[in-house]
N, C-alpha and C. Protein backbone atom coordinates (compact mmCIF):
# COMPACT_ATOMS: atom_id res chain seq x y z
N MET A 1 0.82 -1.17 0.00
CA MET A 1 0.00 0.00 0.00
C MET A 1 0.88 1.25 0.00
N ASN A 2 0.64 2.12 -0.99
CA ASN A 2 1.44 3.32 -1.13
C ASN A 2 0.62 4.52 -0.65
N GLN A 3 0.78 4.87 0.61
CA GLN A 3 0.03 5.98 1.22
C GLN A 3 0.53 7.35 0.76
N LYS A 4 1.82 7.45 0.41
CA LYS A 4 2.38 8.74 0.00
C LYS A 4 1.72 9.25 -1.28
N GLY A 5 1.52 8.45 -2.26
CA GLY A 5 0.90 8.85 -3.51
C GLY A 5 -0.57 9.22 -3.33
N GLN A 6 -1.25 8.49 -2.45
CA GLN A 6 -2.66 8.77 -2.21
C GLN A 6 -2.86 10.14 -1.56
N GLY A 7 -2.00 10.53 -0.64
CA GLY A 7 -2.09 11.85 0.02
C GLY A 7 -1.87 12.98 -0.97
N LEU A 8 -0.93 12.77 -1.92
CA LEU A 8 -0.66 13.80 -2.94
C LEU A 8 -1.88 13.98 -3.84
N ILE A 9 -2.50 12.88 -4.23
CA ILE A 9 -3.69 12.95 -5.09
C ILE A 9 -4.82 13.66 -4.35
N GLU A 10 -5.01 13.37 -3.09
CA GLU A 10 -6.06 14.04 -2.30
C GLU A 10 -5.80 15.55 -2.21
N ALA A 11 -4.54 15.92 -2.03
CA ALA A 11 -4.19 17.34 -1.95
C ALA A 11 -4.46 18.05 -3.27
N LEU A 12 -4.15 17.40 -4.40
CA LEU A 12 -4.40 18.00 -5.71
C LEU A 12 -5.90 18.14 -5.98
N ILE A 13 -6.67 17.15 -5.60
CA ILE A 13 -8.12 17.23 -5.77
C ILE A 13 -8.70 18.37 -4.93
N ALA A 14 -8.25 18.52 -3.69
CA ALA A 14 -8.72 19.60 -2.82
C ALA A 14 -8.32 20.96 -3.39
N LEU A 15 -7.10 21.06 -3.90
CA LEU A 15 -6.63 22.31 -4.49
C LEU A 15 -7.45 22.65 -5.74
N GLY A 16 -7.73 21.66 -6.59
CA GLY A 16 -8.55 21.87 -7.78
C GLY A 16 -9.96 22.33 -7.42
N ALA A 17 -10.55 21.71 -6.41
CA ALA A 17 -11.89 22.11 -5.97
C ALA A 17 -11.88 23.55 -5.46
N ALA A 18 -10.84 23.92 -4.70
CA ALA A 18 -10.73 25.29 -4.18
C ALA A 18 -10.61 26.30 -5.32
N VAL A 19 -9.83 25.97 -6.35
CA VAL A 19 -9.66 26.87 -7.50
C VAL A 19 -11.00 27.04 -8.22
N ILE A 20 -11.75 25.98 -8.41
CA ILE A 20 -13.05 26.06 -9.08
C ILE A 20 -14.02 26.93 -8.27
N ILE A 21 -14.04 26.78 -6.97
CA ILE A 21 -14.93 27.57 -6.10
C ILE A 21 -14.54 29.05 -6.15
N ILE A 22 -13.24 29.33 -6.08
CA ILE A 22 -12.78 30.73 -6.12
C ILE A 22 -13.10 31.35 -7.48
N ALA A 23 -12.93 30.59 -8.56
CA ALA A 23 -13.25 31.10 -9.90
C ALA A 23 -14.74 31.40 -10.01
N ALA A 24 -15.59 30.55 -9.49
CA ALA A 24 -17.03 30.77 -9.54
C ALA A 24 -17.42 32.02 -8.75
N ILE A 25 -16.83 32.21 -7.59
CA ILE A 25 -17.11 33.39 -6.77
C ILE A 25 -16.65 34.65 -7.50
N THR A 26 -15.47 34.60 -8.12
CA THR A 26 -14.95 35.74 -8.86
C THR A 26 -15.86 36.12 -10.02
N ILE A 27 -16.31 35.13 -10.78
CA ILE A 27 -17.22 35.39 -11.90
C ILE A 27 -18.52 36.01 -11.40
N ALA A 28 -19.05 35.50 -10.29
CA ALA A 28 -20.29 36.05 -9.73
C ALA A 28 -20.11 37.51 -9.31
N VAL A 29 -18.98 37.83 -8.69
CA VAL A 29 -18.72 39.20 -8.23
C VAL A 29 -18.55 40.14 -9.42
N VAL A 30 -17.79 39.71 -10.43
CA VAL A 30 -17.57 40.55 -11.62
C VAL A 30 -18.89 40.80 -12.34
N THR A 31 -19.73 39.79 -12.47
CA THR A 31 -21.04 39.94 -13.11
C THR A 31 -21.92 40.89 -12.32
N ALA A 32 -21.91 40.77 -11.00
CA ALA A 32 -22.73 41.65 -10.16
C ALA A 32 -22.28 43.11 -10.29
N VAL A 33 -20.97 43.34 -10.30
CA VAL A 33 -20.46 44.70 -10.45
C VAL A 33 -20.82 45.26 -11.83
N SER A 34 -20.70 44.45 -12.86
CA SER A 34 -21.05 44.88 -14.21
C SER A 34 -22.52 45.24 -14.30
N ASN A 35 -23.38 44.42 -13.75
CA ASN A 35 -24.82 44.71 -13.76
C ASN A 35 -25.15 45.95 -12.94
N SER A 36 -24.44 46.14 -11.85
CA SER A 36 -24.65 47.33 -11.02
C SER A 36 -24.25 48.59 -11.78
N ASP A 37 -23.12 48.53 -12.47
CA ASP A 37 -22.69 49.68 -13.27
C ASP A 37 -23.69 49.99 -14.38
N PHE A 38 -24.18 48.95 -15.06
CA PHE A 38 -25.16 49.17 -16.12
C PHE A 38 -26.41 49.84 -15.56
N SER A 39 -26.89 49.36 -14.41
CA SER A 39 -28.08 49.96 -13.79
C SER A 39 -27.84 51.42 -13.43
N LYS A 40 -26.65 51.69 -12.91
CA LYS A 40 -26.30 53.07 -12.55
C LYS A 40 -26.33 53.97 -13.78
N TYR A 41 -25.70 53.53 -14.87
CA TYR A 41 -25.66 54.34 -16.09
C TYR A 41 -27.04 54.47 -16.71
N GLN A 42 -27.85 53.42 -16.64
CA GLN A 42 -29.19 53.50 -17.18
C GLN A 42 -30.03 54.50 -16.39
N ASN A 43 -29.89 54.51 -15.07
CA ASN A 43 -30.62 55.49 -14.25
C ASN A 43 -30.16 56.91 -14.55
N LEU A 44 -28.84 57.10 -14.70
CA LEU A 44 -28.33 58.43 -15.05
C LEU A 44 -28.87 58.87 -16.41
N ALA A 45 -28.83 57.97 -17.39
CA ALA A 45 -29.31 58.30 -18.73
C ALA A 45 -30.80 58.65 -18.71
N THR A 46 -31.58 57.94 -17.93
CA THR A 46 -33.01 58.24 -17.81
C THR A 46 -33.20 59.64 -17.23
N GLY A 47 -32.41 59.98 -16.23
CA GLY A 47 -32.48 61.32 -15.64
C GLY A 47 -32.10 62.40 -16.65
N TYR A 48 -31.04 62.16 -17.42
CA TYR A 48 -30.63 63.14 -18.43
C TYR A 48 -31.67 63.28 -19.54
N ALA A 49 -32.31 62.18 -19.90
CA ALA A 49 -33.37 62.25 -20.90
C ALA A 49 -34.56 63.03 -20.37
N SER A 50 -34.91 62.81 -19.10
CA SER A 50 -36.02 63.57 -18.49
C SER A 50 -35.70 65.05 -18.43
N GLN A 51 -34.45 65.39 -18.08
CA GLN A 51 -34.05 66.79 -18.07
C GLN A 51 -34.19 67.40 -19.47
N GLY A 52 -33.75 66.65 -20.47
CA GLY A 52 -33.86 67.13 -21.84
C GLY A 52 -35.30 67.37 -22.25
N MET A 53 -36.18 66.46 -21.88
CA MET A 53 -37.60 66.62 -22.22
C MET A 53 -38.17 67.83 -21.50
N GLU A 54 -37.76 68.06 -20.27
CA GLU A 54 -38.25 69.22 -19.52
C GLU A 54 -37.77 70.52 -20.17
N VAL A 55 -36.53 70.56 -20.65
CA VAL A 55 -36.02 71.75 -21.34
C VAL A 55 -36.86 72.02 -22.58
N VAL A 56 -37.16 70.99 -23.36
CA VAL A 56 -37.97 71.16 -24.57
C VAL A 56 -39.37 71.64 -24.21
N ARG A 57 -39.96 71.04 -23.18
CA ARG A 57 -41.32 71.43 -22.77
C ARG A 57 -41.36 72.90 -22.35
N GLN A 58 -40.40 73.31 -21.52
CA GLN A 58 -40.36 74.71 -21.07
C GLN A 58 -40.14 75.65 -22.25
N LYS A 59 -39.25 75.27 -23.13
CA LYS A 59 -38.96 76.12 -24.28
C LYS A 59 -40.20 76.25 -25.18
N SER A 60 -40.95 75.17 -25.33
CA SER A 60 -42.15 75.24 -26.18
C SER A 60 -43.22 76.10 -25.55
N GLN A 61 -43.30 76.12 -24.23
CA GLN A 61 -44.29 76.96 -23.55
C GLN A 61 -43.90 78.43 -23.59
N LEU A 62 -42.61 78.72 -23.57
CA LEU A 62 -42.15 80.10 -23.62
C LEU A 62 -42.24 80.70 -25.02
N ASP A 63 -41.90 79.91 -26.03
CA ASP A 63 -41.88 80.44 -27.40
C ASP A 63 -42.22 79.32 -28.37
N TRP A 64 -43.53 79.09 -28.56
CA TRP A 64 -43.95 78.02 -29.44
C TRP A 64 -43.51 78.26 -30.88
N THR A 65 -43.54 79.50 -31.33
CA THR A 65 -43.18 79.80 -32.71
C THR A 65 -41.78 79.33 -33.02
N ASP A 66 -40.84 79.57 -32.09
CA ASP A 66 -39.46 79.13 -32.28
C ASP A 66 -39.38 77.60 -32.21
N THR A 67 -40.04 77.00 -31.23
CA THR A 67 -39.99 75.55 -31.06
C THR A 67 -40.56 74.83 -32.27
N ALA A 68 -41.59 75.37 -32.86
CA ALA A 68 -42.23 74.73 -34.01
C ALA A 68 -41.34 74.71 -35.24
N THR A 69 -40.27 75.52 -35.24
CA THR A 69 -39.36 75.54 -36.40
C THR A 69 -38.34 74.42 -36.35
N TYR A 70 -38.15 73.80 -35.18
CA TYR A 70 -37.17 72.73 -35.08
C TYR A 70 -37.64 71.51 -35.85
N SER A 71 -36.70 70.91 -36.58
CA SER A 71 -37.00 69.70 -37.33
C SER A 71 -35.70 68.91 -37.44
N GLY A 72 -35.80 67.59 -37.39
CA GLY A 72 -34.60 66.76 -37.51
C GLY A 72 -33.91 66.58 -36.17
N THR A 73 -32.60 66.31 -36.24
CA THR A 73 -31.82 65.96 -35.05
C THR A 73 -31.05 67.16 -34.53
N TRP A 74 -31.16 67.37 -33.21
CA TRP A 74 -30.50 68.48 -32.53
C TRP A 74 -29.78 67.94 -31.29
N CYS A 75 -28.73 68.64 -30.89
CA CYS A 75 -27.96 68.25 -29.71
C CYS A 75 -28.32 69.17 -28.55
N LEU A 76 -28.34 68.60 -27.34
CA LEU A 76 -28.63 69.38 -26.13
C LEU A 76 -27.56 69.05 -25.09
N PRO A 77 -26.51 69.89 -25.02
CA PRO A 77 -25.45 69.65 -24.04
C PRO A 77 -25.92 69.90 -22.62
N GLN A 78 -25.18 69.35 -21.70
CA GLN A 78 -25.46 69.52 -20.28
C GLN A 78 -25.25 70.98 -19.88
N GLY A 79 -26.11 71.47 -19.02
CA GLY A 79 -25.93 72.81 -18.46
C GLY A 79 -26.40 73.94 -19.36
N THR A 80 -27.15 73.63 -20.40
CA THR A 80 -27.64 74.68 -21.29
C THR A 80 -29.07 74.35 -21.72
N THR A 81 -29.76 75.36 -22.19
CA THR A 81 -31.10 75.14 -22.74
C THR A 81 -31.11 75.44 -24.24
N ASP A 82 -29.93 75.62 -24.82
CA ASP A 82 -29.82 75.92 -26.24
C ASP A 82 -29.52 74.65 -27.02
N PHE A 83 -30.28 74.42 -28.09
CA PHE A 83 -30.06 73.29 -28.97
C PHE A 83 -29.13 73.74 -30.09
N TYR A 84 -28.42 72.80 -30.67
CA TYR A 84 -27.68 73.09 -31.90
C TYR A 84 -27.79 71.88 -32.82
N PRO A 85 -27.73 72.11 -34.13
CA PRO A 85 -27.92 71.01 -35.08
C PRO A 85 -26.88 69.91 -34.91
N ALA A 86 -27.31 68.67 -35.12
CA ALA A 86 -26.40 67.53 -35.02
C ALA A 86 -25.37 67.60 -36.13
N LEU A 87 -24.22 67.02 -35.85
CA LEU A 87 -23.13 67.01 -36.81
C LEU A 87 -23.22 65.76 -37.68
N GLY A 88 -22.87 65.87 -38.92
CA GLY A 88 -22.78 64.71 -39.80
C GLY A 88 -24.07 63.94 -39.92
N ALA A 89 -23.96 62.64 -39.81
CA ALA A 89 -25.09 61.73 -40.03
C ALA A 89 -25.93 61.58 -38.77
N TYR A 90 -26.61 62.65 -38.39
CA TYR A 90 -27.54 62.61 -37.26
C TYR A 90 -26.86 62.23 -35.94
N THR A 91 -25.68 62.73 -35.70
CA THR A 91 -24.99 62.40 -34.46
C THR A 91 -24.58 63.64 -33.71
N CYS A 92 -24.54 63.51 -32.42
CA CYS A 92 -24.05 64.55 -31.53
C CYS A 92 -22.81 64.01 -30.83
N PRO A 93 -21.89 64.88 -30.43
CA PRO A 93 -20.73 64.42 -29.68
C PRO A 93 -21.12 64.11 -28.24
N VAL A 94 -20.21 63.52 -27.50
CA VAL A 94 -20.44 63.30 -26.07
C VAL A 94 -20.64 64.67 -25.46
N ASN A 95 -21.81 64.90 -24.83
CA ASN A 95 -22.13 66.25 -24.38
C ASN A 95 -22.74 66.30 -22.98
N VAL A 96 -22.79 65.17 -22.27
CA VAL A 96 -23.33 65.16 -20.91
C VAL A 96 -22.40 64.32 -20.04
N ASN A 97 -21.88 64.94 -19.00
CA ASN A 97 -21.08 64.25 -17.98
C ASN A 97 -19.89 63.50 -18.59
N ASN A 98 -19.36 63.98 -19.69
CA ASN A 98 -18.21 63.38 -20.38
C ASN A 98 -18.38 61.90 -20.71
N GLN A 99 -19.62 61.41 -20.77
CA GLN A 99 -19.84 60.00 -21.05
C GLN A 99 -21.10 59.73 -21.88
N PHE A 100 -22.03 60.64 -21.85
CA PHE A 100 -23.33 60.41 -22.50
C PHE A 100 -23.50 61.34 -23.70
N VAL A 101 -24.29 60.89 -24.67
CA VAL A 101 -24.69 61.70 -25.81
C VAL A 101 -26.19 61.94 -25.68
N ARG A 102 -26.58 63.21 -25.62
CA ARG A 102 -28.01 63.54 -25.55
C ARG A 102 -28.39 64.26 -26.83
N GLN A 103 -29.40 63.72 -27.52
CA GLN A 103 -29.87 64.36 -28.73
C GLN A 103 -31.39 64.37 -28.78
N LEU A 104 -31.91 65.32 -29.54
CA LEU A 104 -33.34 65.51 -29.70
C LEU A 104 -33.70 65.27 -31.15
N GLU A 105 -34.84 64.65 -31.36
CA GLU A 105 -35.34 64.44 -32.72
C GLU A 105 -36.74 65.03 -32.80
N PHE A 106 -36.90 66.03 -33.67
CA PHE A 106 -38.19 66.69 -33.85
C PHE A 106 -38.84 66.21 -35.14
N SER A 107 -40.12 65.86 -35.06
CA SER A 107 -40.90 65.47 -36.24
C SER A 107 -42.22 66.23 -36.20
N HIS A 108 -42.70 66.61 -37.37
CA HIS A 108 -43.97 67.35 -37.44
C HIS A 108 -45.04 66.46 -38.05
N ASN A 109 -46.28 66.71 -37.62
CA ASN A 109 -47.44 65.95 -38.11
C ASN A 109 -47.25 64.45 -37.92
N TYR A 110 -46.74 64.09 -36.76
CA TYR A 110 -46.49 62.68 -36.44
C TYR A 110 -47.82 61.98 -36.22
N PRO A 111 -48.08 60.86 -36.87
CA PRO A 111 -49.41 60.22 -36.81
C PRO A 111 -49.91 59.89 -35.39
N SER A 112 -49.03 59.45 -34.51
CA SER A 112 -49.50 59.04 -33.18
C SER A 112 -49.71 60.22 -32.23
N CYS A 113 -49.47 61.44 -32.69
CA CYS A 113 -49.65 62.61 -31.83
C CYS A 113 -51.08 63.15 -31.85
N ASN A 114 -51.95 62.55 -32.58
CA ASN A 114 -53.38 62.91 -32.57
C ASN A 114 -53.63 64.41 -32.71
N GLY A 115 -53.06 65.00 -33.72
CA GLY A 115 -53.32 66.40 -33.99
C GLY A 115 -52.36 67.38 -33.34
N ALA A 116 -51.51 66.90 -32.41
CA ALA A 116 -50.50 67.80 -31.83
C ALA A 116 -49.51 68.16 -32.94
N ASN A 117 -48.92 69.32 -32.82
CA ASN A 117 -48.09 69.83 -33.89
C ASN A 117 -46.76 69.11 -34.06
N THR A 118 -46.11 68.74 -32.97
CA THR A 118 -44.74 68.26 -33.04
C THR A 118 -44.54 67.08 -32.11
N GLN A 119 -43.77 66.13 -32.59
CA GLN A 119 -43.33 65.01 -31.75
C GLN A 119 -41.85 65.19 -31.49
N VAL A 120 -41.43 65.05 -30.23
CA VAL A 120 -40.02 65.15 -29.88
C VAL A 120 -39.59 63.86 -29.19
N GLU A 121 -38.40 63.43 -29.56
CA GLU A 121 -37.81 62.23 -28.97
C GLU A 121 -36.45 62.60 -28.39
N VAL A 122 -36.25 62.35 -27.11
CA VAL A 122 -34.98 62.62 -26.46
C VAL A 122 -34.27 61.28 -26.28
N THR A 123 -33.07 61.17 -26.83
CA THR A 123 -32.28 59.95 -26.74
C THR A 123 -30.99 60.25 -26.00
N VAL A 124 -30.66 59.42 -25.02
CA VAL A 124 -29.39 59.51 -24.31
C VAL A 124 -28.69 58.17 -24.50
N LYS A 125 -27.48 58.23 -25.08
CA LYS A 125 -26.71 57.02 -25.38
C LYS A 125 -25.41 57.01 -24.58
N TRP A 126 -24.91 55.80 -24.33
CA TRP A 126 -23.62 55.67 -23.67
C TRP A 126 -22.95 54.38 -24.09
N THR A 127 -21.67 54.27 -23.79
CA THR A 127 -20.89 53.10 -24.12
C THR A 127 -20.23 52.55 -22.87
N ASP A 128 -19.90 51.28 -22.90
CA ASP A 128 -19.16 50.66 -21.81
C ASP A 128 -18.38 49.47 -22.36
N GLY A 129 -17.83 48.65 -21.50
CA GLY A 129 -17.03 47.50 -21.92
C GLY A 129 -17.81 46.45 -22.69
N LYS A 130 -19.12 46.50 -22.64
CA LYS A 130 -19.94 45.52 -23.36
C LYS A 130 -20.13 45.90 -24.83
N CYS A 131 -19.82 47.15 -25.18
CA CYS A 131 -19.97 47.60 -26.56
C CYS A 131 -18.76 47.14 -27.37
N SER A 132 -18.94 46.98 -28.66
CA SER A 132 -17.86 46.43 -29.49
C SER A 132 -16.70 47.41 -29.69
N GLY A 133 -16.96 48.70 -29.68
CA GLY A 133 -15.89 49.67 -29.88
C GLY A 133 -16.04 50.85 -28.93
N ALA A 134 -14.98 51.63 -28.78
CA ALA A 134 -15.00 52.76 -27.85
C ALA A 134 -16.02 53.81 -28.26
N LEU A 135 -16.28 53.95 -29.55
CA LEU A 135 -17.23 54.95 -30.02
C LEU A 135 -18.58 54.34 -30.39
N ASP A 136 -18.77 53.08 -30.06
CA ASP A 136 -20.03 52.40 -30.34
C ASP A 136 -20.96 52.58 -29.13
N PHE A 137 -21.92 53.47 -29.27
CA PHE A 137 -22.85 53.73 -28.17
C PHE A 137 -23.98 52.70 -28.26
N CYS A 138 -23.75 51.54 -27.64
CA CYS A 138 -24.68 50.43 -27.81
C CYS A 138 -25.82 50.43 -26.79
N HIS A 139 -25.82 51.35 -25.85
CA HIS A 139 -26.91 51.44 -24.87
C HIS A 139 -27.60 52.79 -25.05
N LYS A 140 -28.93 52.79 -24.84
CA LYS A 140 -29.63 54.07 -24.95
C LYS A 140 -30.94 54.03 -24.17
N VAL A 141 -31.37 55.25 -23.81
CA VAL A 141 -32.68 55.47 -23.21
C VAL A 141 -33.39 56.47 -24.11
N VAL A 142 -34.65 56.20 -24.44
CA VAL A 142 -35.41 57.07 -25.33
C VAL A 142 -36.72 57.47 -24.66
N LEU A 143 -36.99 58.77 -24.63
CA LEU A 143 -38.28 59.30 -24.17
C LEU A 143 -38.88 60.07 -25.33
N ASP A 144 -40.18 59.94 -25.53
CA ASP A 144 -40.81 60.75 -26.57
C ASP A 144 -42.11 61.34 -26.06
N SER A 145 -42.48 62.45 -26.69
CA SER A 145 -43.68 63.16 -26.29
C SER A 145 -44.20 63.97 -27.48
N CYS A 146 -45.47 64.31 -27.41
CA CYS A 146 -46.08 65.16 -28.42
C CYS A 146 -46.25 66.56 -27.84
N LEU A 147 -45.91 67.56 -28.63
CA LEU A 147 -46.01 68.95 -28.19
C LEU A 147 -47.05 69.67 -29.04
N ALA A 148 -47.76 70.56 -28.40
CA ALA A 148 -48.74 71.38 -29.12
C ALA A 148 -48.66 72.81 -28.60
N ASP A 149 -49.12 73.71 -29.41
CA ASP A 149 -49.19 75.12 -29.03
C ASP A 149 -50.30 75.26 -27.98
N ILE A 150 -49.91 75.51 -26.72
CA ILE A 150 -50.91 75.55 -25.64
C ILE A 150 -51.77 76.81 -25.73
N TYR A 151 -51.36 77.77 -26.55
CA TYR A 151 -52.13 79.01 -26.67
C TYR A 151 -52.99 79.02 -27.94
N ARG A 152 -52.94 77.94 -28.70
CA ARG A 152 -53.68 77.86 -29.96
C ARG A 152 -55.18 77.79 -29.66
N THR A 153 -55.95 78.49 -30.46
CA THR A 153 -57.40 78.39 -30.33
C THR A 153 -57.91 77.31 -31.25
N GLN A 154 -58.91 76.62 -30.82
CA GLN A 154 -59.46 75.50 -31.60
C GLN A 154 -60.33 75.97 -32.73
């Protein structure tokens, strides 16, 4: 009976089991942190989209004539209420908190607006390690609403 070889095999099996358990715990922790980060960014993006919608709503109530002229894609940077036209192919640069892109899309006579003059869509996009490239904004939050001239007579 060779007891020395049996003890070595038992030690290797115990070490292998410990490595598997530690790897499983590590994967669970990394996944939890990744999901937590995604939730955090999604909540921030939702807040930035809500802020953008509020800016558009206030602007439309103050000066409907100006708001009604907006069409297409516009950028709304953080800390301002001024829109500017999107660059290139309907894109805005990173303009909120150095990580998010906030843009507005104005459409007129939108069918689902039931007679309201303008439909606005606020989109906030961001990227993280799950996206294929550094400039690939693969996550987004979109809010949309219909705007009408509140002073218009029927």
